[in-house]
């Protein structure tokens, strides 16, 4: 509930465009972290199979 209220307050204070821009930035950061995690997991899988 607090997250919903925080987002609603941010929307009212910052405006529509800023909220969409922030969501896009967070999406890009999430995609980069997810890609890094996938590469790290594949490396660990390869290392565990080689032993």
PDB file of N, CA and C in Angstrom:
ATOM      1  N   UNK A   1       0.830  -1.191   0.000  1.00  0.00           N
ATOM      2  CA  UNK A   1       0.000   0.000   0.000  1.00  0.00           C
ATOM      3  C   UNK A   1       0.877   1.258   0.000  1.00  0.00           C
ATOM      4  N   UNK A   2       1.971   1.213   0.739  1.00  0.00           N
ATOM      5  CA  UNK A   2       2.874   2.370   0.781  1.00  0.00           C
ATOM      6  C   UNK A   2       3.508   2.615  -0.582  1.00  0.00           C
ATOM      7  N   UNK A   3       3.838   1.536  -1.290  1.00  0.00           N
ATOM      8  CA  UNK A   3       4.423   1.684  -2.626  1.00  0.00           C
ATOM      9  C   UNK A   3       3.431   2.349  -3.577  1.00  0.00           C
ATOM     10  N   UNK A   4       2.177   1.944  -3.505  1.00  0.00           N
ATOM     11  CA  UNK A   4       1.140   2.535  -4.354  1.00  0.00           C
ATOM     12  C   UNK A   4       0.967   4.021  -4.044  1.00  0.00           C
ATOM     13  N   UNK A   5       0.934   4.354  -2.767  1.00  0.00           N
ATOM     14  CA  UNK A   5       0.791   5.763  -2.388  1.00  0.00           C
ATOM     15  C   UNK A   5       2.013   6.576  -2.807  1.00  0.00           C
ATOM     16  N   UNK A   6       3.193   5.990  -2.678  1.00  0.00           N
ATOM     17  CA  UNK A   6       4.411   6.679  -3.105  1.00  0.00           C
ATOM     18  C   UNK A   6       4.430   6.941  -4.596  1.00  0.00           C
ATOM     19  N   UNK A   7       3.989   5.956  -5.366  1.00  0.00           N
ATOM     20  CA  UNK A   7       3.946   6.140  -6.820  1.00  0.00           C
ATOM     21  C   UNK A   7       2.905   7.177  -7.214  1.00  0.00           C
ATOM     22  N   UNK A   8       1.759   7.154  -6.559  1.00  0.00           N
ATOM     23  CA  UNK A   8       0.718   8.137  -6.866  1.00  0.00           C
ATOM     24  C   UNK A   8       1.190   9.546  -6.520  1.00  0.00           C
ATOM     25  N   UNK A   9       1.851   9.697  -5.397  1.00  0.00           N
ATOM     26  CA  UNK A   9       2.375  11.007  -5.003  1.00  0.00           C
ATOM     27  C   UNK A   9       3.442  11.477  -5.985  1.00  0.00           C
ATOM     28  N   UNK A  10       4.331  10.574  -6.380  1.00  0.00           N
ATOM     29  CA  UNK A  10       5.351  10.922  -7.367  1.00  0.00           C
ATOM     30  C   UNK A  10       4.742  11.336  -8.689  1.00  0.00           C
ATOM     31  N   UNK A  11       3.688  10.639  -9.094  1.00  0.00           N
ATOM     32  CA  UNK A  11       3.002  10.984 -10.341  1.00  0.00           C
ATOM     33  C   UNK A  11       2.405  12.386 -10.251  1.00  0.00           C
ATOM     34  N   UNK A  12       1.798  12.697  -9.130  1.00  0.00           N
ATOM     35  CA  UNK A  12       1.178  14.019  -8.976  1.00  0.00           C
ATOM     36  C   UNK A  12       2.223  15.130  -8.894  1.00  0.00           C
ATOM     37  N   UNK A  13       3.340  14.864  -8.220  1.00  0.00           N
ATOM     38  CA  UNK A  13       4.360  15.904  -8.038  1.00  0.00           C
ATOM     39  C   UNK A  13       5.213  16.072  -9.296  1.00  0.00           C
ATOM     40  N   UNK A  14       5.683  14.950  -9.856  1.00  0.00           N
ATOM     41  CA  UNK A  14       6.637  15.023 -10.959  1.00  0.00           C
ATOM     42  C   UNK A  14       5.982  15.146 -12.327  1.00  0.00           C
ATOM     43  N   UNK A  15       4.827  14.571 -12.490  1.00  0.00           N
ATOM     44  CA  UNK A  15       4.156  14.642 -13.778  1.00  0.00           C
ATOM     45  C   UNK A  15       4.315  13.354 -14.570  1.00  0.00           C
ATOM     46  N   UNK A  16       3.555  13.277 -15.633  1.00  0.00           N
ATOM     47  CA  UNK A  16       3.465  12.068 -16.451  1.00  0.00           C
ATOM     48  C   UNK A  16       4.771  11.758 -17.170  1.00  0.00           C
ATOM     49  N   UNK A  17       5.365  12.750 -17.808  1.00  0.00           N
ATOM     50  CA  UNK A  17       6.575  12.505 -18.612  1.00  0.00           C
ATOM     51  C   UNK A  17       7.748  12.057 -17.755  1.00  0.00           C
ATOM     52  N   UNK A  18       7.909  12.667 -16.612  1.00  0.00           N
ATOM     53  CA  UNK A  18       9.022  12.307 -15.732  1.00  0.00           C
ATOM     54  C   UNK A  18       8.852  10.883 -15.222  1.00  0.00           C
ATOM     55  N   UNK A  19       7.634  10.498 -14.875  1.00  0.00           N
ATOM     56  CA  UNK A  19       7.391   9.136 -14.384  1.00  0.00           C
ATOM     57  C   UNK A  19       7.661   8.107 -15.480  1.00  0.00           C
ATOM     58  N   UNK A  20       7.272   8.407 -16.722  1.00  0.00           N
ATOM     59  CA  UNK A  20       7.545   7.494 -17.834  1.00  0.00           C
ATOM     60  C   UNK A  20       9.049   7.406 -18.080  1.00  0.00           C
ATOM     61  N   UNK A  21       9.742   8.529 -18.010  1.00  0.00           N
ATOM     62  CA  UNK A  21      11.196   8.530 -18.184  1.00  0.00           C
ATOM     63  C   UNK A  21      11.888   7.722 -17.087  1.00  0.00           C
ATOM     64  N   UNK A  22      11.463   7.896 -15.848  1.00  0.00           N
ATOM     65  CA  UNK A  22      12.045   7.125 -14.747  1.00  0.00           C
ATOM     66  C   UNK A  22      11.781   5.632 -14.919  1.00  0.00           C
ATOM     67  N   UNK A  23      10.582   5.273 -15.368  1.00  0.00           N
ATOM     68  CA  UNK A  23      10.266   3.863 -15.601  1.00  0.00           C
ATOM     69  C   UNK A  23      11.147   3.289 -16.704  1.00  0.00           C
ATOM     70  N   UNK A  24      11.406   4.068 -17.748  1.00  0.00           N
ATOM     71  CA  UNK A  24      12.265   3.602 -18.838  1.00  0.00           C
ATOM     72  C   UNK A  24      13.700   3.412 -18.359  1.00  0.00           C
ATOM     73  N   UNK A  25      14.190   4.324 -17.537  1.00  0.00           N
ATOM     74  CA  UNK A  25      15.550   4.199 -16.997  1.00  0.00           C
ATOM     75  C   UNK A  25      15.661   2.956 -16.122  1.00  0.00           C
ATOM     76  N   UNK A  26      14.677   2.726 -15.285  1.00  0.00           N
ATOM     77  CA  UNK A  26      14.686   1.539 -14.423  1.00  0.00           C
ATOM     78  C   UNK A  26      14.606   0.271 -15.262  1.00  0.00           C
ATOM     79  N   UNK A  27      13.844   0.283 -16.344  1.00  0.00           N
ATOM     80  CA  UNK A  27      13.751  -0.876 -17.233  1.00  0.00           C
ATOM     81  C   UNK A  27      15.105  -1.196 -17.860  1.00  0.00           C
ATOM     82  N   UNK A  28      15.827  -0.175 -18.298  1.00  0.00           N
ATOM     83  CA  UNK A  28      17.151  -0.389 -18.890  1.00  0.00           C
ATOM     84  C   UNK A  28      18.120  -0.947 -17.846  1.00  0.00           C
ATOM     85  N   UNK A  29      18.092  -0.388 -16.651  1.00  0.00           N
ATOM     86  CA  UNK A  29      18.973  -0.881 -15.584  1.00  0.00           C
ATOM     87  C   UNK A  29      18.647  -2.335 -15.255  1.00  0.00           C
ATOM     88  N   UNK A  30      17.367  -2.678 -15.177  1.00  0.00           N
ATOM     89  CA  UNK A  30      16.964  -4.063 -14.911  1.00  0.00           C
ATOM     90  C   UNK A  30      17.438  -4.999 -16.009  1.00  0.00           C
ATOM     91  N   UNK A  31      17.335  -4.575 -17.260  1.00  0.00           N
ATOM     92  CA  UNK A  31      17.769  -5.424 -18.376  1.00  0.00           C
ATOM     93  C   UNK A  31      19.276  -5.671 -18.321  1.00  0.00           C
ATOM     94  N   UNK A  32      20.046  -4.641 -17.984  1.00  0.00           N
ATOM     95  CA  UNK A  32      21.500  -4.797 -17.881  1.00  0.00           C
ATOM     96  C   UNK A  32      21.852  -5.755 -16.744  1.00  0.00           C
ATOM     97  N   UNK A  33      21.228  -5.595 -15.599  1.00  0.00           N
ATOM     98  CA  UNK A  33      21.500  -6.478 -14.459  1.00  0.00           C
ATOM     99  C   UNK A  33      21.075  -7.908 -14.776  1.00  0.00           C
ATOM    100  N   UNK A  34      19.945  -8.083 -15.446  1.00  0.00           N
ATOM    101  CA  UNK A  34      19.474  -9.420 -15.816  1.00  0.00           C
ATOM    102  C   UNK A  34      20.447 -10.083 -16.782  1.00  0.00           C
ATOM    103  N   UNK A  35      20.927  -9.340 -17.768  1.00  0.00           N
ATOM    104  CA  UNK A  35      21.901  -9.890 -18.717  1.00  0.00           C
ATOM    105  C   UNK A  35      23.195 -10.283 -18.034  1.00  0.00           C
ATOM    106  N   UNK A  36      23.660  -9.453 -17.097  1.00  0.00           N
ATOM    107  CA  UNK A  36      24.869  -9.777 -16.348  1.00  0.00           C
ATOM    108  C   UNK A  36      24.661 -11.035 -15.513  1.00  0.00           C
ATOM    109  N   UNK A  37      23.498 -11.155 -14.901  1.00  0.00           N
ATOM    110  CA  UNK A  37      23.189 -12.340 -14.103  1.00  0.00           C
ATOM    111  C   UNK A  37      23.149 -13.600 -14.943  1.00  0.00           C
ATOM    112  N   UNK A  38      22.593 -13.508 -16.138  1.00  0.00           N
ATOM    113  CA  UNK A  38      22.558 -14.674 -17.028  1.00  0.00           C
ATOM    114  C   UNK A  38      23.959 -15.105 -17.422  1.00  0.00           C
ATOM    115  N   UNK A  39      24.813 -14.147 -17.761  1.00  0.00           N
ATOM    116  CA  UNK A  39      26.192 -14.496 -18.130  1.00  0.00           C
ATOM    117  C   UNK A  39      26.938 -15.112 -16.951  1.00  0.00           C
ATOM    118  N   UNK A  40      26.746 -14.577 -15.771  1.00  0.00           N
ATOM    119  CA  UNK A  40      27.404 -15.112 -14.584  1.00  0.00           C
ATOM    120  C   UNK A  40      26.914 -16.526 -14.294  1.00  0.00           C
ATOM    121  N   UNK A  41      25.609 -16.760 -14.434  1.00  0.00           N
ATOM    122  CA  UNK A  41      25.053 -18.090 -14.186  1.00  0.00           C
ATOM    123  C   UNK A  41      25.592 -19.092 -15.195  1.00  0.00           C
ATOM    124  N   UNK A  42      25.696 -18.699 -16.459  1.00  0.00           N
ATOM    125  CA  UNK A  42      26.223 -19.610 -17.477  1.00  0.00           C
ATOM    126  C   UNK A  42      27.679 -19.943 -17.187  1.00  0.00           C
ATOM    127  N   UNK A  43      28.451 -18.972 -16.730  1.00  0.00           N
ATOM    128  CA  UNK A  43      29.850 -19.225 -16.404  1.00  0.00           C
ATOM    129  C   UNK A  43      29.958 -20.199 -15.234  1.00  0.00           C
ATOM    130  N   UNK A  44      29.134 -20.020 -14.217  1.00  0.00           N
ATOM    131  CA  UNK A  44      29.155 -20.922 -13.067  1.00  0.00           C
ATOM    132  C   UNK A  44      28.727 -22.331 -13.479  1.00  0.00           C
ATOM    133  N   UNK A  45      27.763 -22.427 -14.370  1.00  0.00           N
ATOM    134  CA  UNK A  45      27.301 -23.736 -14.842  1.00  0.00           C
ATOM    135  C   UNK A  45      28.418 -24.446 -15.605  1.00  0.00           C
ATOM    136  N   UNK A  46      29.124 -23.716 -16.452  1.00  0.00           N
ATOM    137  CA  UNK A  46      30.228 -24.305 -17.221  1.00  0.00           C
ATOM    138  C   UNK A  46      31.344 -24.745 -16.276  1.00  0.00           C
ATOM    139  N   UNK A  47      31.656 -23.912 -15.279  1.00  0.00           N
ATOM    140  CA  UNK A  47      32.718 -24.263 -14.331  1.00  0.00           C
ATOM    141  C   UNK A  47      32.352 -25.495 -13.510  1.00  0.00           C
ATOM    142  N   UNK A  48      31.087 -25.619 -13.128  1.00  0.00           N
ATOM    143  CA  UNK A  48      30.692 -26.768 -12.313  1.00  0.00           C
ATOM    144  C   UNK A  48      30.660 -28.051 -13.137  1.00  0.00           C
ATOM    145  N   UNK A  49      30.436 -27.968 -14.438  1.00  0.00           N
ATOM    146  CA  UNK A  49      30.405 -29.164 -15.281  1.00  0.00           C
ATOM    147  C   UNK A  49      31.807 -29.633 -15.637  1.00  0.00           C
ATOM    148  N   UNK A  50      32.792 -28.752 -15.596  1.00  0.00           N
ATOM    149  CA  UNK A  50      34.141 -29.128 -16.018  1.00  0.00           C
ATOM    150  C   UNK A  50      34.890 -29.917 -14.944  1.00  0.00           C
ATOM    151  N   UNK A  51      34.365 -29.949 -13.745  1.00  0.00           N
ATOM    152  CA  UNK A  51      35.071 -30.660 -12.663  1.00  0.00           C
ATOM    153  C   UNK A  51      34.632 -32.082 -12.561  1.00  0.00           C
TER     154      UNK A  51
END
